[in-house]
Amino acid sequence: MSDMAQMAFRALSDPSRRDILYMLGDRDLTVAEVSAQFDMTRAAVKKHLVVLEEGGLIRSYPRGRERINSLHPEGLRPVLNWLVWFDQFWDDKLSGLKATIEQKGLSDD
């Protein structure tokens, strides 16, 4: 697994960070706006935002004295690629099982 996938999975491992991603899916938010949605300190929210940014899942940029956080959906690509691999793995296994059942005449068809 790539380093970016590891970082993305780390970022996704916390429910608060997943909630932040949902919020940023609606619109870009400042740290204060994100903090207002949680029962945690602003410093704790900032730490979550840093982990999300390190995982490539969000981007932040300055606007005046504030930092604006936005969802970076392309950062989910390593996670999606990992899931697609397992999806294909199970498709192959189930296709093999189906072929075996049909070959042995065990199918209801």
PDB file of N, CA and C in Angstrom:
ATOM      1  N   MET A   1       0.849  -1.169   0.000  1.00  0.00           N
ATOM      2  CA  MET A   1       0.000   0.000   0.000  1.00  0.00           C
ATOM      3  C   MET A   1       0.899   1.239   0.000  1.00  0.00           C
ATOM      4  N   SER A   2       0.520   2.209  -0.791  1.00  0.00           N
ATOM      5  CA  SER A   2       1.336   3.425  -0.909  1.00  0.00           C
ATOM      6  C   SER A   2       1.280   4.257   0.365  1.00  0.00           C
ATOM      7  N   ASP A   3       2.261   5.139   0.497  1.00  0.00           N
ATOM      8  CA  ASP A   3       2.290   6.043   1.649  1.00  0.00           C
ATOM      9  C   ASP A   3       1.054   6.934   1.679  1.00  0.00           C
ATOM     10  N   MET A   4       0.625   7.400   0.496  1.00  0.00           N
ATOM     11  CA  MET A   4      -0.563   8.262   0.452  1.00  0.00           C
ATOM     12  C   MET A   4      -1.803   7.497   0.890  1.00  0.00           C
ATOM     13  N   ALA A   5      -1.909   6.234   0.510  1.00  0.00           N
ATOM     14  CA  ALA A   5      -3.048   5.430   0.953  1.00  0.00           C
ATOM     15  C   ALA A   5      -3.006   5.261   2.466  1.00  0.00           C
ATOM     16  N   GLN A   6      -1.817   5.006   3.006  1.00  0.00           N
ATOM     17  CA  GLN A   6      -1.680   4.867   4.461  1.00  0.00           C
ATOM     18  C   GLN A   6      -2.126   6.139   5.171  1.00  0.00           C
ATOM     19  N   MET A   7      -1.694   7.283   4.655  1.00  0.00           N
ATOM     20  CA  MET A   7      -2.046   8.564   5.271  1.00  0.00           C
ATOM     21  C   MET A   7      -3.554   8.835   5.143  1.00  0.00           C
ATOM     22  N   ALA A   8      -4.136   8.482   3.999  1.00  0.00           N
ATOM     23  CA  ALA A   8      -5.570   8.687   3.810  1.00  0.00           C
ATOM     24  C   ALA A   8      -6.367   7.799   4.765  1.00  0.00           C
ATOM     25  N   PHE A   9      -5.965   6.524   4.896  1.00  0.00           N
ATOM     26  CA  PHE A   9      -6.663   5.634   5.825  1.00  0.00           C
ATOM     27  C   PHE A   9      -6.506   6.118   7.264  1.00  0.00           C
ATOM     28  N   ARG A  10      -5.344   6.616   7.604  1.00  0.00           N
ATOM     29  CA  ARG A  10      -5.138   7.170   8.955  1.00  0.00           C
ATOM     30  C   ARG A  10      -6.104   8.324   9.183  1.00  0.00           C
ATOM     31  N   ALA A  11      -6.218   9.190   8.188  1.00  0.00           N
ATOM     32  CA  ALA A  11      -7.116  10.340   8.317  1.00  0.00           C
ATOM     33  C   ALA A  11      -8.569   9.892   8.445  1.00  0.00           C
ATOM     34  N   LEU A  12      -8.941   8.852   7.726  1.00  0.00           N
ATOM     35  CA  LEU A  12     -10.320   8.369   7.756  1.00  0.00           C
ATOM     36  C   LEU A  12     -10.652   7.539   8.990  1.00  0.00           C
ATOM     37  N   SER A  13      -9.649   7.181   9.767  1.00  0.00           N
ATOM     38  CA  SER A  13      -9.865   6.267  10.888  1.00  0.00           C
ATOM     39  C   SER A  13     -10.630   6.889  12.054  1.00  0.00           C
ATOM     40  N   ASP A  14     -10.742   8.192  12.089  1.00  0.00           N
ATOM     41  CA  ASP A  14     -11.401   8.862  13.211  1.00  0.00           C
ATOM     42  C   ASP A  14     -12.783   9.373  12.790  1.00  0.00           C
ATOM     43  N   PRO A  15     -13.821   9.073  13.585  1.00  0.00           N
ATOM     44  CA  PRO A  15     -15.173   9.524  13.224  1.00  0.00           C
ATOM     45  C   PRO A  15     -15.308  11.048  13.128  1.00  0.00           C
ATOM     46  N   SER A  16     -14.606  11.780  13.965  1.00  0.00           N
ATOM     47  CA  SER A  16     -14.684  13.247  13.885  1.00  0.00           C
ATOM     48  C   SER A  16     -14.121  13.740  12.566  1.00  0.00           C
ATOM     49  N   ARG A  17     -13.038  13.134  12.118  1.00  0.00           N
ATOM     50  CA  ARG A  17     -12.454  13.551  10.836  1.00  0.00           C
ATOM     51  C   ARG A  17     -13.392  13.196   9.680  1.00  0.00           C
ATOM     52  N   ARG A  18     -14.047  12.053   9.764  1.00  0.00           N
ATOM     53  CA  ARG A  18     -15.019  11.707   8.715  1.00  0.00           C
ATOM     54  C   ARG A  18     -16.171  12.707   8.711  1.00  0.00           C
ATOM     55  N   ASP A  19     -16.620  13.135   9.902  1.00  0.00           N
ATOM     56  CA  ASP A  19     -17.671  14.149   9.981  1.00  0.00           C
ATOM     57  C   ASP A  19     -17.205  15.469   9.364  1.00  0.00           C
ATOM     58  N   ILE A  20     -15.969  15.827   9.609  1.00  0.00           N
ATOM     59  CA  ILE A  20     -15.423  17.055   9.022  1.00  0.00           C
ATOM     60  C   ILE A  20     -15.444  16.956   7.496  1.00  0.00           C
ATOM     61  N   LEU A  21     -15.085  15.807   6.960  1.00  0.00           N
ATOM     62  CA  LEU A  21     -15.117  15.638   5.504  1.00  0.00           C
ATOM     63  C   LEU A  21     -16.530  15.833   4.961  1.00  0.00           C
ATOM     64  N   TYR A  22     -17.528  15.275   5.639  1.00  0.00           N
ATOM     65  CA  TYR A  22     -18.916  15.486   5.210  1.00  0.00           C
ATOM     66  C   TYR A  22     -19.262  16.973   5.209  1.00  0.00           C
ATOM     67  N   MET A  23     -18.865  17.669   6.257  1.00  0.00           N
ATOM     68  CA  MET A  23     -19.154  19.099   6.348  1.00  0.00           C
ATOM     69  C   MET A  23     -18.481  19.867   5.214  1.00  0.00           C
ATOM     70  N   LEU A  24     -17.240  19.513   4.928  1.00  0.00           N
ATOM     71  CA  LEU A  24     -16.516  20.211   3.854  1.00  0.00           C
ATOM     72  C   LEU A  24     -17.053  19.829   2.480  1.00  0.00           C
ATOM     73  N   GLY A  25     -17.785  18.736   2.409  1.00  0.00           N
ATOM     74  CA  GLY A  25     -18.431  18.370   1.153  1.00  0.00           C
ATOM     75  C   GLY A  25     -19.541  19.338   0.784  1.00  0.00           C
ATOM     76  N   ASP A  26     -20.105  20.001   1.790  1.00  0.00           N
ATOM     77  CA  ASP A  26     -21.166  20.977   1.530  1.00  0.00           C
ATOM     78  C   ASP A  26     -20.604  22.337   1.136  1.00  0.00           C
ATOM     79  N   ARG A  27     -19.521  22.741   1.835  1.00  0.00           N
ATOM     80  CA  ARG A  27     -18.910  24.045   1.525  1.00  0.00           C
ATOM     81  C   ARG A  27     -17.576  24.160   2.249  1.00  0.00           C
ATOM     82  N   ASP A  28     -16.751  25.078   1.777  1.00  0.00           N
ATOM     83  CA  ASP A  28     -15.480  25.369   2.432  1.00  0.00           C
ATOM     84  C   ASP A  28     -15.753  26.037   3.779  1.00  0.00           C
ATOM     85  N   LEU A  29     -14.918  25.720   4.781  1.00  0.00           N
ATOM     86  CA  LEU A  29     -15.144  26.239   6.127  1.00  0.00           C
ATOM     87  C   LEU A  29     -13.840  26.699   6.764  1.00  0.00           C
ATOM     88  N   THR A  30     -13.961  27.688   7.639  1.00  0.00           N
ATOM     89  CA  THR A  30     -12.822  28.116   8.442  1.00  0.00           C
ATOM     90  C   THR A  30     -12.680  27.153   9.624  1.00  0.00           C
ATOM     91  N   VAL A  31     -11.568  27.254  10.322  1.00  0.00           N
ATOM     92  CA  VAL A  31     -11.360  26.439  11.526  1.00  0.00           C
ATOM     93  C   VAL A  31     -12.456  26.747  12.543  1.00  0.00           C
ATOM     94  N   ALA A  32     -12.786  28.016  12.697  1.00  0.00           N
ATOM     95  CA  ALA A  32     -13.827  28.415  13.657  1.00  0.00           C
ATOM     96  C   ALA A  32     -15.178  27.806  13.293  1.00  0.00           C
ATOM     97  N   GLU A  33     -15.509  27.781  12.007  1.00  0.00           N
ATOM     98  CA  GLU A  33     -16.787  27.207  11.575  1.00  0.00           C
ATOM     99  C   GLU A  33     -16.830  25.700  11.824  1.00  0.00           C
ATOM    100  N   VAL A  34     -15.720  25.032  11.605  1.00  0.00           N
ATOM    101  CA  VAL A  34     -15.659  23.599  11.891  1.00  0.00           C
ATOM    102  C   VAL A  34     -15.760  23.385  13.397  1.00  0.00           C
ATOM    103  N   SER A  35     -15.018  24.158  14.155  1.00  0.00           N
ATOM    104  CA  SER A  35     -15.008  24.028  15.621  1.00  0.00           C
ATOM    105  C   SER A  35     -16.396  24.202  16.218  1.00  0.00           C
ATOM    106  N   ALA A  36     -17.182  25.086  15.638  1.00  0.00           N
ATOM    107  CA  ALA A  36     -18.526  25.354  16.163  1.00  0.00           C
ATOM    108  C   ALA A  36     -19.430  24.125  16.093  1.00  0.00           C
ATOM    109  N   GLN A  37     -19.068  23.157  15.267  1.00  0.00           N
ATOM    110  CA  GLN A  37     -19.900  21.964  15.090  1.00  0.00           C
ATOM    111  C   GLN A  37     -19.532  20.824  16.037  1.00  0.00           C
ATOM    112  N   PHE A  38     -18.494  21.008  16.830  1.00  0.00           N
ATOM    113  CA  PHE A  38     -17.989  19.933  17.683  1.00  0.00           C
ATOM    114  C   PHE A  38     -17.858  20.376  19.129  1.00  0.00           C
ATOM    115  N   ASP A  39     -17.932  19.412  20.011  1.00  0.00           N
ATOM    116  CA  ASP A  39     -17.712  19.653  21.432  1.00  0.00           C
ATOM    117  C   ASP A  39     -16.257  19.310  21.753  1.00  0.00           C
ATOM    118  N   MET A  40     -15.359  20.075  21.140  1.00  0.00           N
ATOM    119  CA  MET A  40     -13.917  19.918  21.383  1.00  0.00           C
ATOM    120  C   MET A  40     -13.264  21.272  21.187  1.00  0.00           C
ATOM    121  N   THR A  41     -12.056  21.386  21.647  1.00  0.00           N
ATOM    122  CA  THR A  41     -11.357  22.671  21.545  1.00  0.00           C
ATOM    123  C   THR A  41     -10.997  22.975  20.096  1.00  0.00           C
ATOM    124  N   ARG A  42     -10.775  24.227  19.854  1.00  0.00           N
ATOM    125  CA  ARG A  42     -10.328  24.652  18.514  1.00  0.00           C
ATOM    126  C   ARG A  42      -8.989  23.985  18.175  1.00  0.00           C
ATOM    127  N   ALA A  43      -8.116  23.848  19.182  1.00  0.00           N
ATOM    128  CA  ALA A  43      -6.821  23.198  18.956  1.00  0.00           C
ATOM    129  C   ALA A  43      -7.004  21.739  18.527  1.00  0.00           C
ATOM    130  N   ALA A  44      -7.959  21.060  19.126  1.00  0.00           N
ATOM    131  CA  ALA A  44      -8.225  19.661  18.752  1.00  0.00           C
ATOM    132  C   ALA A  44      -8.743  19.589  17.320  1.00  0.00           C
ATOM    133  N   VAL A  45      -9.613  20.510  16.954  1.00  0.00           N
ATOM    134  CA  VAL A  45     -10.127  20.548  15.578  1.00  0.00           C
ATOM    135  C   VAL A  45      -8.990  20.822  14.610  1.00  0.00           C
ATOM    136  N   LYS A  46      -8.100  21.747  14.959  1.00  0.00           N
ATOM    137  CA  LYS A  46      -6.959  22.050  14.087  1.00  0.00           C
ATOM    138  C   LYS A  46      -6.094  20.810  13.875  1.00  0.00           C
ATOM    139  N   LYS A  47      -5.903  20.016  14.937  1.00  0.00           N
ATOM    140  CA  LYS A  47      -5.120  18.781  14.790  1.00  0.00           C
ATOM    141  C   LYS A  47      -5.795  17.825  13.821  1.00  0.00           C
ATOM    142  N   HIS A  48      -7.117  17.710  13.915  1.00  0.00           N
ATOM    143  CA  HIS A  48      -7.849  16.858  12.973  1.00  0.00           C
ATOM    144  C   HIS A  48      -7.688  17.367  11.540  1.00  0.00           C
ATOM    145  N   LEU A  49      -7.752  18.676  11.379  1.00  0.00           N
ATOM    146  CA  LEU A  49      -7.593  19.254  10.037  1.00  0.00           C
ATOM    147  C   LEU A  49      -6.192  18.993   9.483  1.00  0.00           C
ATOM    148  N   VAL A  50      -5.195  19.056  10.341  1.00  0.00           N
ATOM    149  CA  VAL A  50      -3.822  18.765   9.902  1.00  0.00           C
ATOM    150  C   VAL A  50      -3.719  17.319   9.416  1.00  0.00           C
ATOM    151  N   VAL A  51      -4.299  16.389  10.158  1.00  0.00           N
ATOM    152  CA  VAL A  51      -4.247  14.976   9.753  1.00  0.00           C
ATOM    153  C   VAL A  51      -4.976  14.784   8.419  1.00  0.00           C
ATOM    154  N   LEU A  52      -6.104  15.445   8.260  1.00  0.00           N
ATOM    155  CA  LEU A  52      -6.837  15.354   6.996  1.00  0.00           C
ATOM    156  C   LEU A  52      -6.023  15.925   5.831  1.00  0.00           C
ATOM    157  N   GLU A  53      -5.326  17.023   6.095  1.00  0.00           N
ATOM    158  CA  GLU A  53      -4.509  17.624   5.040  1.00  0.00           C
ATOM    159  C   GLU A  53      -3.302  16.741   4.733  1.00  0.00           C
ATOM    160  N   GLU A  54      -2.677  16.176   5.748  1.00  0.00           N
ATOM    161  CA  GLU A  54      -1.549  15.264   5.523  1.00  0.00           C
ATOM    162  C   GLU A  54      -1.991  14.038   4.730  1.00  0.00           C
ATOM    163  N   GLY A  55      -3.234  13.625   4.924  1.00  0.00           N
ATOM    164  CA  GLY A  55      -3.780  12.489   4.184  1.00  0.00           C
ATOM    165  C   GLY A  55      -4.221  12.846   2.779  1.00  0.00           C
ATOM    166  N   GLY A  56      -4.094  14.114   2.416  1.00  0.00           N
ATOM    167  CA  GLY A  56      -4.461  14.550   1.069  1.00  0.00           C
ATOM    168  C   GLY A  56      -5.958  14.677   0.857  1.00  0.00           C
ATOM    169  N   LEU A  57      -6.744  14.646   1.942  1.00  0.00           N
ATOM    170  CA  LEU A  57      -8.198  14.659   1.818  1.00  0.00           C
ATOM    171  C   LEU A  57      -8.794  16.057   1.836  1.00  0.00           C
ATOM    172  N   ILE A  58      -8.046  17.011   2.370  1.00  0.00           N
ATOM    173  CA  ILE A  58      -8.489  18.405   2.328  1.00  0.00           C
ATOM    174  C   ILE A  58      -7.323  19.282   1.917  1.00  0.00           C
ATOM    175  N   ARG A  59      -7.655  20.495   1.543  1.00  0.00           N
ATOM    176  CA  ARG A  59      -6.666  21.530   1.263  1.00  0.00           C
ATOM    177  C   ARG A  59      -7.048  22.737   2.094  1.00  0.00           C
ATOM    178  N   SER A  60      -6.062  23.496   2.487  1.00  0.00           N
ATOM    179  CA  SER A  60      -6.358  24.741   3.201  1.00  0.00           C
ATOM    180  C   SER A  60      -5.571  25.867   2.547  1.00  0.00           C
ATOM    181  N   TYR A  61      -6.149  27.045   2.629  1.00  0.00           N
ATOM    182  CA  TYR A  61      -5.498  28.220   2.051  1.00  0.00           C
ATOM    183  C   TYR A  61      -5.868  29.437   2.889  1.00  0.00           C
ATOM    184  N   PRO A  62      -4.983  30.423   2.903  1.00  0.00           N
ATOM    185  CA  PRO A  62      -5.265  31.621   3.708  1.00  0.00           C
ATOM    186  C   PRO A  62      -6.252  32.541   3.005  1.00  0.00           C
ATOM    187  N   ARG A  63      -7.095  33.150   3.821  1.00  0.00           N
ATOM    188  CA  ARG A  63      -7.976  34.223   3.340  1.00  0.00           C
ATOM    189  C   ARG A  63      -7.996  35.255   4.455  1.00  0.00           C
ATOM    190  N   GLY A  64      -7.203  36.292   4.259  1.00  0.00           N
ATOM    191  CA  GLY A  64      -7.036  37.282   5.317  1.00  0.00           C
ATOM    192  C   GLY A  64      -6.343  36.633   6.506  1.00  0.00           C
ATOM    193  N   ARG A  65      -6.945  36.760   7.671  1.00  0.00           N
ATOM    194  CA  ARG A  65      -6.363  36.175   8.881  1.00  0.00           C
ATOM    195  C   ARG A  65      -6.846  34.750   9.136  1.00  0.00           C
ATOM    196  N   GLU A  66      -7.732  34.269   8.287  1.00  0.00           N
ATOM    197  CA  GLU A  66      -8.304  32.932   8.478  1.00  0.00           C
ATOM    198  C   GLU A  66      -7.694  31.928   7.510  1.00  0.00           C
ATOM    199  N   ARG A  67      -7.861  30.656   7.856  1.00  0.00           N
ATOM    200  CA  ARG A  67      -7.508  29.574   6.935  1.00  0.00           C
ATOM    201  C   ARG A  67      -8.800  28.899   6.523  1.00  0.00           C
ATOM    202  N   ILE A  68      -8.960  28.761   5.238  1.00  0.00           N
ATOM    203  CA  ILE A  68     -10.150  28.130   4.681  1.00  0.00           C
ATOM    204  C   ILE A  68      -9.796  26.685   4.343  1.00  0.00           C
ATOM    205  N   ASN A  69     -10.663  25.777   4.725  1.00  0.00           N
ATOM    206  CA  ASN A  69     -10.462  24.351   4.477  1.00  0.00           C
ATOM    207  C   ASN A  69     -11.474  23.887   3.447  1.00  0.00           C
ATOM    208  N   SER A  70     -10.990  23.119   2.480  1.00  0.00           N
ATOM    209  CA  SER A  70     -11.878  22.610   1.437  1.00  0.00           C
ATOM    210  C   SER A  70     -11.598  21.131   1.196  1.00  0.00           C
ATOM    211  N   LEU A  71     -12.648  20.433   0.825  1.00  0.00           N
ATOM    212  CA  LEU A  71     -12.533  19.020   0.509  1.00  0.00           C
ATOM    213  C   LEU A  71     -11.686  18.841  -0.748  1.00  0.00           C
ATOM    214  N   HIS A  72     -10.809  17.871  -0.726  1.00  0.00           N
ATOM    215  CA  HIS A  72      -9.996  17.521  -1.898  1.00  0.00           C
ATOM    216  C   HIS A  72     -10.344  16.072  -2.262  1.00  0.00           C
ATOM    217  N   PRO A  73     -11.423  15.877  -3.022  1.00  0.00           N
ATOM    218  CA  PRO A  73     -11.907  14.521  -3.285  1.00  0.00           C
ATOM    219  C   PRO A  73     -10.889  13.623  -3.982  1.00  0.00           C
ATOM    220  N   GLU A  74      -9.996  14.195  -4.753  1.00  0.00           N
ATOM    221  CA  GLU A  74      -8.979  13.385  -5.431  1.00  0.00           C
ATOM    222  C   GLU A  74      -8.097  12.655  -4.416  1.00  0.00           C
ATOM    223  N   GLY A  75      -8.018  13.176  -3.202  1.00  0.00           N
ATOM    224  CA  GLY A  75      -7.239  12.518  -2.157  1.00  0.00           C
ATOM    225  C   GLY A  75      -7.794  11.167  -1.763  1.00  0.00           C
ATOM    226  N   LEU A  76      -9.040  10.906  -2.127  1.00  0.00           N
ATOM    227  CA  LEU A  76      -9.647   9.597  -1.840  1.00  0.00           C
ATOM    228  C   LEU A  76      -9.255   8.538  -2.872  1.00  0.00           C
ATOM    229  N   ARG A  77      -8.579   8.948  -3.941  1.00  0.00           N
ATOM    230  CA  ARG A  77      -8.212   8.007  -5.009  1.00  0.00           C
ATOM    231  C   ARG A  77      -7.431   6.795  -4.492  1.00  0.00           C
ATOM    232  N   PRO A  78      -6.410   6.954  -3.631  1.00  0.00           N
ATOM    233  CA  PRO A  78      -5.696   5.763  -3.144  1.00  0.00           C
ATOM    234  C   PRO A  78      -6.604   4.803  -2.361  1.00  0.00           C
ATOM    235  N   VAL A  79      -7.553   5.351  -1.621  1.00  0.00           N
ATOM    236  CA  VAL A  79      -8.497   4.512  -0.868  1.00  0.00           C
ATOM    237  C   VAL A  79      -9.401   3.770  -1.845  1.00  0.00           C
ATOM    238  N   LEU A  80      -9.914   4.490  -2.828  1.00  0.00           N
ATOM    239  CA  LEU A  80     -10.774   3.872  -3.831  1.00  0.00           C
ATOM    240  C   LEU A  80     -10.034   2.775  -4.588  1.00  0.00           C
ATOM    241  N   ASN A  81      -8.793   3.039  -4.975  1.00  0.00           N
ATOM    242  CA  ASN A  81      -8.007   2.024  -5.680  1.00  0.00           C
ATOM    243  C   ASN A  81      -7.844   0.771  -4.841  1.00  0.00           C
ATOM    244  N   TRP A  82      -7.632   0.938  -3.545  1.00  0.00           N
ATOM    245  CA  TRP A  82      -7.481  -0.196  -2.635  1.00  0.00           C
ATOM    246  C   TRP A  82      -8.785  -0.988  -2.571  1.00  0.00           C
ATOM    247  N   LEU A  83      -9.908  -0.279  -2.458  1.00  0.00           N
ATOM    248  CA  LEU A  83     -11.209  -0.947  -2.395  1.00  0.00           C
ATOM    249  C   LEU A  83     -11.557  -1.638  -3.708  1.00  0.00           C
ATOM    250  N   VAL A  84     -11.220  -1.018  -4.822  1.00  0.00           N
ATOM    251  CA  VAL A  84     -11.489  -1.625  -6.132  1.00  0.00           C
ATOM    252  C   VAL A  84     -10.724  -2.932  -6.279  1.00  0.00           C
ATOM    253  N   TRP A  85      -9.494  -2.971  -5.777  1.00  0.00           N
ATOM    254  CA  TRP A  85      -8.711  -4.201  -5.852  1.00  0.00           C
ATOM    255  C   TRP A  85      -9.449  -5.331  -5.137  1.00  0.00           C
ATOM    256  N   PHE A  86      -9.979  -5.058  -3.948  1.00  0.00           N
ATOM    257  CA  PHE A  86     -10.696  -6.089  -3.204  1.00  0.00           C
ATOM    258  C   PHE A  86     -12.029  -6.424  -3.852  1.00  0.00           C
ATOM    259  N   ASP A  87     -12.670  -5.455  -4.450  1.00  0.00           N
ATOM    260  CA  ASP A  87     -13.910  -5.711  -5.173  1.00  0.00           C
ATOM    261  C   ASP A  87     -13.648  -6.689  -6.318  1.00  0.00           C
ATOM    262  N   GLN A  88     -12.572  -6.457  -7.065  1.00  0.00           N
ATOM    263  CA  GLN A  88     -12.208  -7.356  -8.161  1.00  0.00           C
ATOM    264  C   GLN A  88     -11.821  -8.735  -7.633  1.00  0.00           C
ATOM    265  N   PHE A  89     -11.107  -8.766  -6.509  1.00  0.00           N
ATOM    266  CA  PHE A  89     -10.711 -10.025  -5.880  1.00  0.00           C
ATOM    267  C   PHE A  89     -11.944 -10.888  -5.610  1.00  0.00           C
ATOM    268  N   TRP A  90     -12.970 -10.289  -4.981  1.00  0.00           N
ATOM    269  CA  TRP A  90     -14.165 -11.062  -4.644  1.00  0.00           C
ATOM    270  C   TRP A  90     -14.981 -11.403  -5.881  1.00  0.00           C
ATOM    271  N   ASP A  91     -15.013 -10.532  -6.874  1.00  0.00           N
ATOM    272  CA  ASP A  91     -15.691 -10.871  -8.129  1.00  0.00           C
ATOM    273  C   ASP A  91     -15.059 -12.109  -8.753  1.00  0.00           C
ATOM    274  N   ASP A  92     -13.719 -12.142  -8.777  1.00  0.00           N
ATOM    275  CA  ASP A  92     -13.018 -13.296  -9.341  1.00  0.00           C
ATOM    276  C   ASP A  92     -13.313 -14.567  -8.554  1.00  0.00           C
ATOM    277  N   LYS A  93     -13.283 -14.474  -7.220  1.00  0.00           N
ATOM    278  CA  LYS A  93     -13.547 -15.646  -6.378  1.00  0.00           C
ATOM    279  C   LYS A  93     -14.973 -16.158  -6.578  1.00  0.00           C
ATOM    280  N   LEU A  94     -15.933 -15.248  -6.625  1.00  0.00           N
ATOM    281  CA  LEU A  94     -17.326 -15.660  -6.799  1.00  0.00           C
ATOM    282  C   LEU A  94     -17.582 -16.217  -8.197  1.00  0.00           C
ATOM    283  N   SER A  95     -16.917 -15.659  -9.200  1.00  0.00           N
ATOM    284  CA  SER A  95     -17.039 -16.201 -10.555  1.00  0.00           C
ATOM    285  C   SER A  95     -16.481 -17.614 -10.611  1.00  0.00           C
ATOM    286  N   GLY A  96     -15.361 -17.833  -9.941  1.00  0.00           N
ATOM    287  CA  GLY A  96     -14.775 -19.173  -9.877  1.00  0.00           C
ATOM    288  C   GLY A  96     -15.692 -20.152  -9.173  1.00  0.00           C
ATOM    289  N   LEU A  97     -16.305 -19.743  -8.097  1.00  0.00           N
ATOM    290  CA  LEU A  97     -17.245 -20.593  -7.367  1.00  0.00           C
ATOM    291  C   LEU A  97     -18.447 -20.929  -8.240  1.00  0.00           C
ATOM    292  N   LYS A  98     -18.970 -19.934  -8.939  1.00  0.00           N
ATOM    293  CA  LYS A  98     -20.114 -20.160  -9.829  1.00  0.00           C
ATOM    294  C   LYS A  98     -19.748 -21.162 -10.915  1.00  0.00           C
ATOM    295  N   ALA A  99     -18.569 -21.000 -11.512  1.00  0.00           N
ATOM    296  CA  ALA A  99     -18.132 -21.923 -12.569  1.00  0.00           C
ATOM    297  C   ALA A  99     -17.995 -23.341 -12.019  1.00  0.00           C
ATOM    298  N   THR A 100     -17.468 -23.483 -10.825  1.00  0.00           N
ATOM    299  CA  THR A 100     -17.322 -24.803 -10.209  1.00  0.00           C
ATOM    300  C   THR A 100     -18.672 -25.440  -9.954  1.00  0.00           C
ATOM    301  N   ILE A 101     -19.615 -24.669  -9.451  1.00  0.00           N
ATOM    302  CA  ILE A 101     -20.953 -25.191  -9.183  1.00  0.00           C
ATOM    303  C   ILE A 101     -21.626 -25.616 -10.476  1.00  0.00           C
ATOM    304  N   GLU A 102     -21.530 -24.777 -11.500  1.00  0.00           N
ATOM    305  CA  GLU A 102     -22.144 -25.121 -12.790  1.00  0.00           C
ATOM    306  C   GLU A 102     -21.478 -26.338 -13.422  1.00  0.00           C
ATOM    307  N   GLN A 103     -20.172 -26.430 -13.284  1.00  0.00           N
ATOM    308  CA  GLN A 103     -19.428 -27.557 -13.855  1.00  0.00           C
ATOM    309  C   GLN A 103     -19.816 -28.881 -13.202  1.00  0.00           C
ATOM    310  N   LYS A 104     -20.091 -28.874 -11.941  1.00  0.00           N
ATOM    311  CA  LYS A 104     -20.445 -30.087 -11.207  1.00  0.00           C
ATOM    312  C   LYS A 104     -21.934 -30.367 -11.254  1.00  0.00           C
ATOM    313  N   GLY A 105     -22.686 -29.492 -11.949  1.00  0.00           N
ATOM    314  CA  GLY A 105     -24.120 -29.716 -12.080  1.00  0.00           C
ATOM    315  C   GLY A 105     -24.887 -29.464 -10.812  1.00  0.00           C
ATOM    316  N   LEU A 106     -24.362 -28.603  -9.957  1.00  0.00           N
ATOM    317  CA  LEU A 106     -25.021 -28.320  -8.686  1.00  0.00           C
ATOM    318  C   LEU A 106     -25.923 -27.103  -8.754  1.00  0.00           C
ATOM    319  N   SER A 107     -26.003 -26.485  -9.903  1.00  0.00           N
ATOM    320  CA  SER A 107     -26.780 -25.263 -10.062  1.00  0.00           C
ATOM    321  C   SER A 107     -28.253 -25.595 -10.140  1.00  0.00           C
ATOM    322  N   ASP A 108     -29.111 -24.660  -9.677  1.00  0.00           N
ATOM    323  CA  ASP A 108     -30.566 -24.830  -9.749  1.00  0.00           C
ATOM    324  C   ASP A 108     -31.094 -24.540 -11.154  1.00  0.00           C
ATOM    325  N   ASP A 109     -30.258 -23.959 -12.005  1.00  0.00           N
ATOM    326  CA  ASP A 109     -30.716 -23.537 -13.347  1.00  0.00           C
ATOM    327  C   ASP A 109     -31.170 -24.690 -14.163  1.00  0.00           C
TER     328      ASP A 109
END
